Amino acid sequence: MKPSTAKFTTRFITHAVIPLCIILPLIFLSSSAVMAQNNPPARTNVIVSGRVTNAKGEPFQGVSIKVKGSNRGAVTNADGRFTIAVSNGKATLTFSHVGFGEQEISVNDRRSLDVVMNEQASSLNDVIVVAYGKQKQITVTGAVSTVAGKELVSTSVANISNMLVGNAPGLSGLQTSGEPWS
């Protein structure tokens, strides 16, 4: 090894590498401390439960409950009961069901809610229930037909799609096997 190479290596280690070994850990420690200060405190969810009834006091199944301003939601069970997590005690819950008025109720730090759904005064003839929600009849682009329940019950077919064939215009059904309920 040449003497000039040894001097360069020694100078490089003392003037470049050693300061980096001291400075880099300090930079990482200070940046992690700054990041820890910028992180907001973790939110704790509040569990709200309750019961939804109709005007007669009977349990109301299938009522949609949504937390206003978020994508959280729930649906009431057969007993009209629900449980939903809200981000804080000041959240507002929206209760809705086809044919009934939409209600917004503020949680106000309560853990239990009892809600009574009232029938909507407007007629249901102007509302069409579709697979992804409900629409006003004027905004539906396509054919709409109605099949009464008594027409379906009078058929002796075990499959619901085959019950609809012949009762709804433009509908065809396909049964892939001869087994019932397939």
C-alpha atoms as a PDB file:
ATOM      1  CA  MET A   1       0.000   0.000   0.000  1.00  0.00           C
ATOM      2  CA  LYS A   2       1.402   3.366  -0.967  1.00  0.00           C
ATOM      3  CA  PRO A   3       1.890   5.998   1.728  1.00  0.00           C
ATOM      4  CA  SER A   4      -0.353   8.509  -0.109  1.00  0.00           C
ATOM      5  CA  THR A   5      -3.204   5.986  -0.228  1.00  0.00           C
ATOM      6  CA  ALA A   6      -2.910   5.332   3.503  1.00  0.00           C
ATOM      7  CA  LYS A   7      -3.083   9.079   4.271  1.00  0.00           C
ATOM      8  CA  PHE A   8      -6.140   9.450   2.065  1.00  0.00           C
ATOM      9  CA  THR A   9      -7.897   6.482   3.698  1.00  0.00           C
ATOM     10  CA  THR A  10      -7.147   7.766   7.211  1.00  0.00           C
ATOM     11  CA  ARG A  11      -8.288  11.299   6.353  1.00  0.00           C
ATOM     12  CA  PHE A  12     -11.432   9.982   4.666  1.00  0.00           C
ATOM     13  CA  ILE A  13     -12.381   7.892   7.702  1.00  0.00           C
ATOM     14  CA  THR A  14     -11.706  10.637  10.248  1.00  0.00           C
ATOM     15  CA  HIS A  15     -13.205  13.525   8.264  1.00  0.00           C
ATOM     16  CA  ALA A  16     -16.140  11.873   6.479  1.00  0.00           C
ATOM     17  CA  VAL A  17     -17.218   8.550   7.955  1.00  0.00           C
ATOM     18  CA  ILE A  18     -17.002   9.297  11.699  1.00  0.00           C
ATOM     19  CA  PRO A  19     -19.091  12.514  11.490  1.00  0.00           C
ATOM     20  CA  LEU A  20     -21.710  10.675   9.434  1.00  0.00           C
ATOM     21  CA  CYS A  21     -21.898   7.958  12.071  1.00  0.00           C
ATOM     22  CA  ILE A  22     -22.657  10.612  14.654  1.00  0.00           C
ATOM     23  CA  ILE A  23     -24.996  12.829  12.604  1.00  0.00           C
ATOM     24  CA  LEU A  24     -27.217  10.182  10.931  1.00  0.00           C
ATOM     25  CA  PRO A  25     -28.581   8.645  14.158  1.00  0.00           C
ATOM     26  CA  LEU A  26     -29.356  12.147  15.450  1.00  0.00           C
ATOM     27  CA  ILE A  27     -31.301  12.944  12.270  1.00  0.00           C
ATOM     28  CA  PHE A  28     -33.328   9.729  12.519  1.00  0.00           C
ATOM     29  CA  LEU A  29     -34.110  10.274  16.189  1.00  0.00           C
ATOM     30  CA  SER A  30     -35.215  13.866  15.675  1.00  0.00           C
ATOM     31  CA  SER A  31     -37.386  13.022  12.651  1.00  0.00           C
ATOM     32  CA  SER A  32     -39.162  10.214  14.505  1.00  0.00           C
ATOM     33  CA  ALA A  33     -39.846  12.569  17.403  1.00  0.00           C
ATOM     34  CA  VAL A  34     -41.364  15.101  14.992  1.00  0.00           C
ATOM     35  CA  MET A  35     -43.482  12.387  13.350  1.00  0.00           C
ATOM     36  CA  ALA A  36     -44.756  11.246  16.727  1.00  0.00           C
ATOM     37  CA  GLN A  37     -45.878  14.798  17.502  1.00  0.00           C
ATOM     38  CA  ASN A  38     -47.733  15.139  14.173  1.00  0.00           C
ATOM     39  CA  ASN A  39     -49.778  11.943  14.537  1.00  0.00           C
ATOM     40  CA  PRO A  40     -53.250  12.682  15.903  1.00  0.00           C
ATOM     41  CA  PRO A  41     -54.386  10.699  18.907  1.00  0.00           C
ATOM     42  CA  ALA A  42     -56.160   7.471  18.036  1.00  0.00           C
ATOM     43  CA  ARG A  43     -59.943   7.750  17.969  1.00  0.00           C
ATOM     44  CA  THR A  44     -61.969   5.464  20.110  1.00  0.00           C
ATOM     45  CA  ASN A  45     -65.203   4.195  18.659  1.00  0.00           C
ATOM     46  CA  VAL A  46     -68.400   4.462  20.651  1.00  0.00           C
ATOM     47  CA  ILE A  47     -70.814   1.535  20.314  1.00  0.00           C
ATOM     48  CA  VAL A  48     -74.444   2.632  20.025  1.00  0.00           C
ATOM     49  CA  SER A  49     -77.231   0.062  20.113  1.00  0.00           C
ATOM     50  CA  GLY A  50     -80.971   0.294  20.216  1.00  0.00           C
ATOM     51  CA  ARG A  51     -84.337  -0.784  18.909  1.00  0.00           C
ATOM     52  CA  VAL A  52     -86.468   0.485  16.042  1.00  0.00           C
ATOM     53  CA  THR A  53     -90.252   0.091  16.118  1.00  0.00           C
ATOM     54  CA  ASN A  54     -93.157   1.224  13.956  1.00  0.00           C
ATOM     55  CA  ALA A  55     -95.931   3.518  15.175  1.00  0.00           C
ATOM     56  CA  LYS A  56     -97.753   0.517  16.720  1.00  0.00           C
ATOM     57  CA  GLY A  57     -94.707  -0.391  18.822  1.00  0.00           C
ATOM     58  CA  GLU A  58     -93.898  -3.517  16.806  1.00  0.00           C
ATOM     59  CA  PRO A  59     -90.237  -4.355  16.032  1.00  0.00           C
ATOM     60  CA  PHE A  60     -89.174  -3.039  12.639  1.00  0.00           C
ATOM     61  CA  GLN A  61     -86.822  -5.254  10.613  1.00  0.00           C
ATOM     62  CA  GLY A  62     -84.717  -3.994   7.690  1.00  0.00           C
ATOM     63  CA  VAL A  63     -84.331  -0.340   8.670  1.00  0.00           C
ATOM     64  CA  SER A  64     -81.087   1.127   7.296  1.00  0.00           C
ATOM     65  CA  ILE A  65     -78.948   3.022   9.789  1.00  0.00           C
ATOM     66  CA  LYS A  66     -76.057   5.168   8.549  1.00  0.00           C
ATOM     67  CA  VAL A  67     -73.583   7.383  10.361  1.00  0.00           C
ATOM     68  CA  LYS A  68     -73.902  10.816   8.767  1.00  0.00           C
ATOM     69  CA  GLY A  69     -70.687  11.896   7.070  1.00  0.00           C
ATOM     70  CA  SER A  70     -69.132   8.416   6.929  1.00  0.00           C
ATOM     71  CA  ASN A  71     -69.568   5.130   5.128  1.00  0.00           C
ATOM     72  CA  ARG A  72     -70.563   3.141   8.212  1.00  0.00           C
ATOM     73  CA  GLY A  73     -73.959   1.534   8.315  1.00  0.00           C
ATOM     74  CA  ALA A  74     -76.107  -1.185   9.850  1.00  0.00           C
ATOM     75  CA  VAL A  75     -79.518  -2.811   9.418  1.00  0.00           C
ATOM     76  CA  THR A  76     -82.039  -3.780  12.092  1.00  0.00           C
ATOM     77  CA  ASN A  77     -82.600  -7.491  12.736  1.00  0.00           C
ATOM     78  CA  ALA A  78     -85.935  -9.347  13.117  1.00  0.00           C
ATOM     79  CA  ASP A  79     -86.355  -7.935  16.647  1.00  0.00           C
ATOM     80  CA  GLY A  80     -85.756  -4.382  15.387  1.00  0.00           C
ATOM     81  CA  ARG A  81     -82.404  -4.234  17.191  1.00  0.00           C
ATOM     82  CA  PHE A  82     -79.195  -2.709  15.850  1.00  0.00           C
ATOM     83  CA  THR A  83     -75.607  -2.058  16.915  1.00  0.00           C
ATOM     84  CA  ILE A  84     -73.315   0.446  15.208  1.00  0.00           C
ATOM     85  CA  ALA A  85     -69.915   1.973  15.968  1.00  0.00           C
ATOM     86  CA  VAL A  86     -69.644   5.771  15.746  1.00  0.00           C
ATOM     87  CA  SER A  87     -66.436   7.776  15.854  1.00  0.00           C
ATOM     88  CA  ASN A  88     -67.583  10.004  18.725  1.00  0.00           C
ATOM     89  CA  GLY A  89     -70.535  10.644  20.973  1.00  0.00           C
ATOM     90  CA  LYS A  90     -71.675  13.656  18.920  1.00  0.00           C
ATOM     91  CA  ALA A  91     -72.375  11.684  15.710  1.00  0.00           C
ATOM     92  CA  THR A  92     -75.717  11.770  13.904  1.00  0.00           C
ATOM     93  CA  LEU A  93     -77.473   8.579  12.787  1.00  0.00           C
ATOM     94  CA  THR A  94     -79.838   8.475   9.798  1.00  0.00           C
ATOM     95  CA  PHE A  95     -82.658   5.903   9.917  1.00  0.00           C
ATOM     96  CA  SER A  96     -84.499   5.091   6.679  1.00  0.00           C
ATOM     97  CA  HIS A  97     -86.840   2.523   5.151  1.00  0.00           C
ATOM     98  CA  VAL A  98     -88.936   2.504   1.990  1.00  0.00           C
ATOM     99  CA  GLY A  99     -92.363   3.997   2.697  1.00  0.00           C
ATOM    100  CA  PHE A 100     -91.296   5.576   5.980  1.00  0.00           C
ATOM    101  CA  GLY A 101     -89.874   9.007   6.667  1.00  0.00           C
ATOM    102  CA  GLU A 102     -86.118   9.395   7.017  1.00  0.00           C
ATOM    103  CA  GLN A 103     -85.072  10.398  10.527  1.00  0.00           C
ATOM    104  CA  GLU A 104     -81.812  11.931  11.719  1.00  0.00           C
ATOM    105  CA  ILE A 105     -81.049  11.430  15.400  1.00  0.00           C
ATOM    106  CA  SER A 106     -78.056  12.864  17.223  1.00  0.00           C
ATOM    107  CA  VAL A 107     -76.332  10.383  19.534  1.00  0.00           C
ATOM    108  CA  ASN A 108     -75.421  13.029  22.170  1.00  0.00           C
ATOM    109  CA  ASP A 109     -73.191  10.620  24.163  1.00  0.00           C
ATOM    110  CA  ARG A 110     -76.028   8.091  24.551  1.00  0.00           C
ATOM    111  CA  ARG A 111     -75.221   4.386  24.242  1.00  0.00           C
ATOM    112  CA  SER A 112     -78.808   3.256  23.652  1.00  0.00           C
ATOM    113  CA  LEU A 113     -81.477   4.655  21.320  1.00  0.00           C
ATOM    114  CA  ASP A 114     -85.139   3.803  20.815  1.00  0.00           C
ATOM    115  CA  VAL A 115     -86.484   5.001  17.470  1.00  0.00           C
ATOM    116  CA  VAL A 116     -90.078   5.038  16.197  1.00  0.00           C
ATOM    117  CA  MET A 117     -90.449   5.066  12.404  1.00  0.00           C
ATOM    118  CA  ASN A 118     -93.495   6.919  11.076  1.00  0.00           C
ATOM    119  CA  GLU A 119     -95.124   6.248   7.716  1.00  0.00           C
ATOM    120  CA  GLN A 120     -94.345   8.747   5.024  1.00  0.00           C
ATOM    121  CA  ALA A 121     -97.286  10.870   3.931  1.00  0.00           C
ATOM    122  CA  SER A 122     -96.407  10.671   0.220  1.00  0.00           C
ATOM    123  CA  SER A 123     -97.624   7.817  -1.927  1.00  0.00           C
ATOM    124  CA  LEU A 124     -95.383   4.858  -2.738  1.00  0.00           C
ATOM    125  CA  ASN A 125     -96.698   4.802  -6.312  1.00  0.00           C
ATOM    126  CA  ASP A 126     -94.023   7.312  -7.291  1.00  0.00           C
ATOM    127  CA  VAL A 127     -91.133   5.267  -5.836  1.00  0.00           C
ATOM    128  CA  ILE A 128     -89.638   2.215  -7.491  1.00  0.00           C
ATOM    129  CA  VAL A 129     -87.458  -0.162  -5.517  1.00  0.00           C
ATOM    130  CA  VAL A 130     -84.463  -1.310  -7.549  1.00  0.00           C
ATOM    131  CA  ALA A 131     -81.655  -3.699  -6.654  1.00  0.00           C
ATOM    132  CA  TYR A 132     -79.371  -0.889  -5.471  1.00  0.00           C
ATOM    133  CA  GLY A 133     -81.813   1.385  -3.634  1.00  0.00           C
ATOM    134  CA  LYS A 134     -84.900   3.311  -4.681  1.00  0.00           C
ATOM    135  CA  GLN A 135     -85.619   5.807  -7.432  1.00  0.00           C
ATOM    136  CA  LYS A 136     -88.448   8.132  -8.360  1.00  0.00           C
ATOM    137  CA  GLN A 137     -90.543   6.731 -11.168  1.00  0.00           C
ATOM    138  CA  ILE A 138     -89.770   9.663 -13.437  1.00  0.00           C
ATOM    139  CA  THR A 139     -85.999   8.961 -13.331  1.00  0.00           C
ATOM    140  CA  VAL A 140     -86.209   5.242 -14.174  1.00  0.00           C
ATOM    141  CA  THR A 141     -84.949   4.488 -17.675  1.00  0.00           C
ATOM    142  CA  GLY A 142     -86.403   1.147 -18.613  1.00  0.00           C
ATOM    143  CA  ALA A 143     -89.528  -0.925 -18.322  1.00  0.00           C
ATOM    144  CA  VAL A 144     -91.171  -1.445 -14.961  1.00  0.00           C
ATOM    145  CA  SER A 145     -93.676  -4.200 -14.316  1.00  0.00           C
ATOM    146  CA  THR A 146     -95.484  -5.461 -11.252  1.00  0.00           C
ATOM    147  CA  VAL A 147     -96.406  -9.015 -10.329  1.00  0.00           C
ATOM    148  CA  ALA A 148     -98.871  -9.532  -7.504  1.00  0.00           C
ATOM    149  CA  GLY A 149     -98.046 -12.050  -4.806  1.00  0.00           C
ATOM    150  CA  LYS A 150    -101.286 -13.972  -5.374  1.00  0.00           C
ATOM    151  CA  GLU A 151    -100.184 -14.652  -8.972  1.00  0.00           C
ATOM    152  CA  LEU A 152     -96.922 -16.194  -7.738  1.00  0.00           C
ATOM    153  CA  VAL A 153     -98.553 -18.297  -5.043  1.00  0.00           C
ATOM    154  CA  SER A 154    -101.040 -19.795  -7.514  1.00  0.00           C
ATOM    155  CA  THR A 155     -98.219 -21.434  -9.535  1.00  0.00           C
ATOM    156  CA  SER A 156     -96.969 -24.912  -8.666  1.00  0.00           C
ATOM    157  CA  VAL A 157     -93.296 -24.203  -9.382  1.00  0.00           C
ATOM    158  CA  ALA A 158     -90.646 -24.499  -6.673  1.00  0.00           C
ATOM    159  CA  ASN A 159     -88.186 -22.001  -8.149  1.00  0.00           C
ATOM    160  CA  ILE A 160     -88.903 -18.264  -7.834  1.00  0.00           C
ATOM    161  CA  SER A 161     -87.380 -17.438 -11.222  1.00  0.00           C
ATOM    162  CA  ASN A 162     -89.676 -19.965 -12.885  1.00  0.00           C
ATOM    163  CA  MET A 163     -92.636 -18.452 -11.009  1.00  0.00           C
ATOM    164  CA  LEU A 164     -91.912 -15.081 -12.595  1.00  0.00           C
ATOM    165  CA  VAL A 165     -91.650 -16.478 -16.142  1.00  0.00           C
ATOM    166  CA  GLY A 166     -94.938 -15.852 -17.921  1.00  0.00           C
ATOM    167  CA  ASN A 167     -96.053 -13.330 -15.294  1.00  0.00           C
ATOM    168  CA  ALA A 168     -93.535 -10.590 -16.098  1.00  0.00           C
ATOM    169  CA  PRO A 169     -93.172  -9.424 -19.708  1.00  0.00           C
ATOM    170  CA  GLY A 170     -89.762  -9.934 -21.315  1.00  0.00           C
ATOM    171  CA  LEU A 171     -88.482 -12.238 -18.578  1.00  0.00           C
ATOM    172  CA  SER A 172     -87.084 -15.659 -19.360  1.00  0.00           C
ATOM    173  CA  GLY A 173     -85.757 -18.207 -16.898  1.00  0.00           C
ATOM    174  CA  LEU A 174     -83.179 -20.935 -17.244  1.00  0.00           C
ATOM    175  CA  GLN A 175     -83.168 -24.104 -15.190  1.00  0.00           C
ATOM    176  CA  THR A 176     -79.811 -25.867 -15.572  1.00  0.00           C
ATOM    177  CA  SER A 177     -80.867 -29.194 -14.115  1.00  0.00           C
ATOM    178  CA  GLY A 178     -83.981 -31.180 -13.378  1.00  0.00           C
ATOM    179  CA  GLU A 179     -83.441 -31.021  -9.626  1.00  0.00           C
ATOM    180  CA  PRO A 180     -85.976 -29.016  -7.645  1.00  0.00           C
ATOM    181  CA  TRP A 181     -84.720 -25.772  -6.066  1.00  0.00           C
ATOM    182  CA  SER A 182     -81.867 -25.444  -8.551  1.00  0.00           C
END
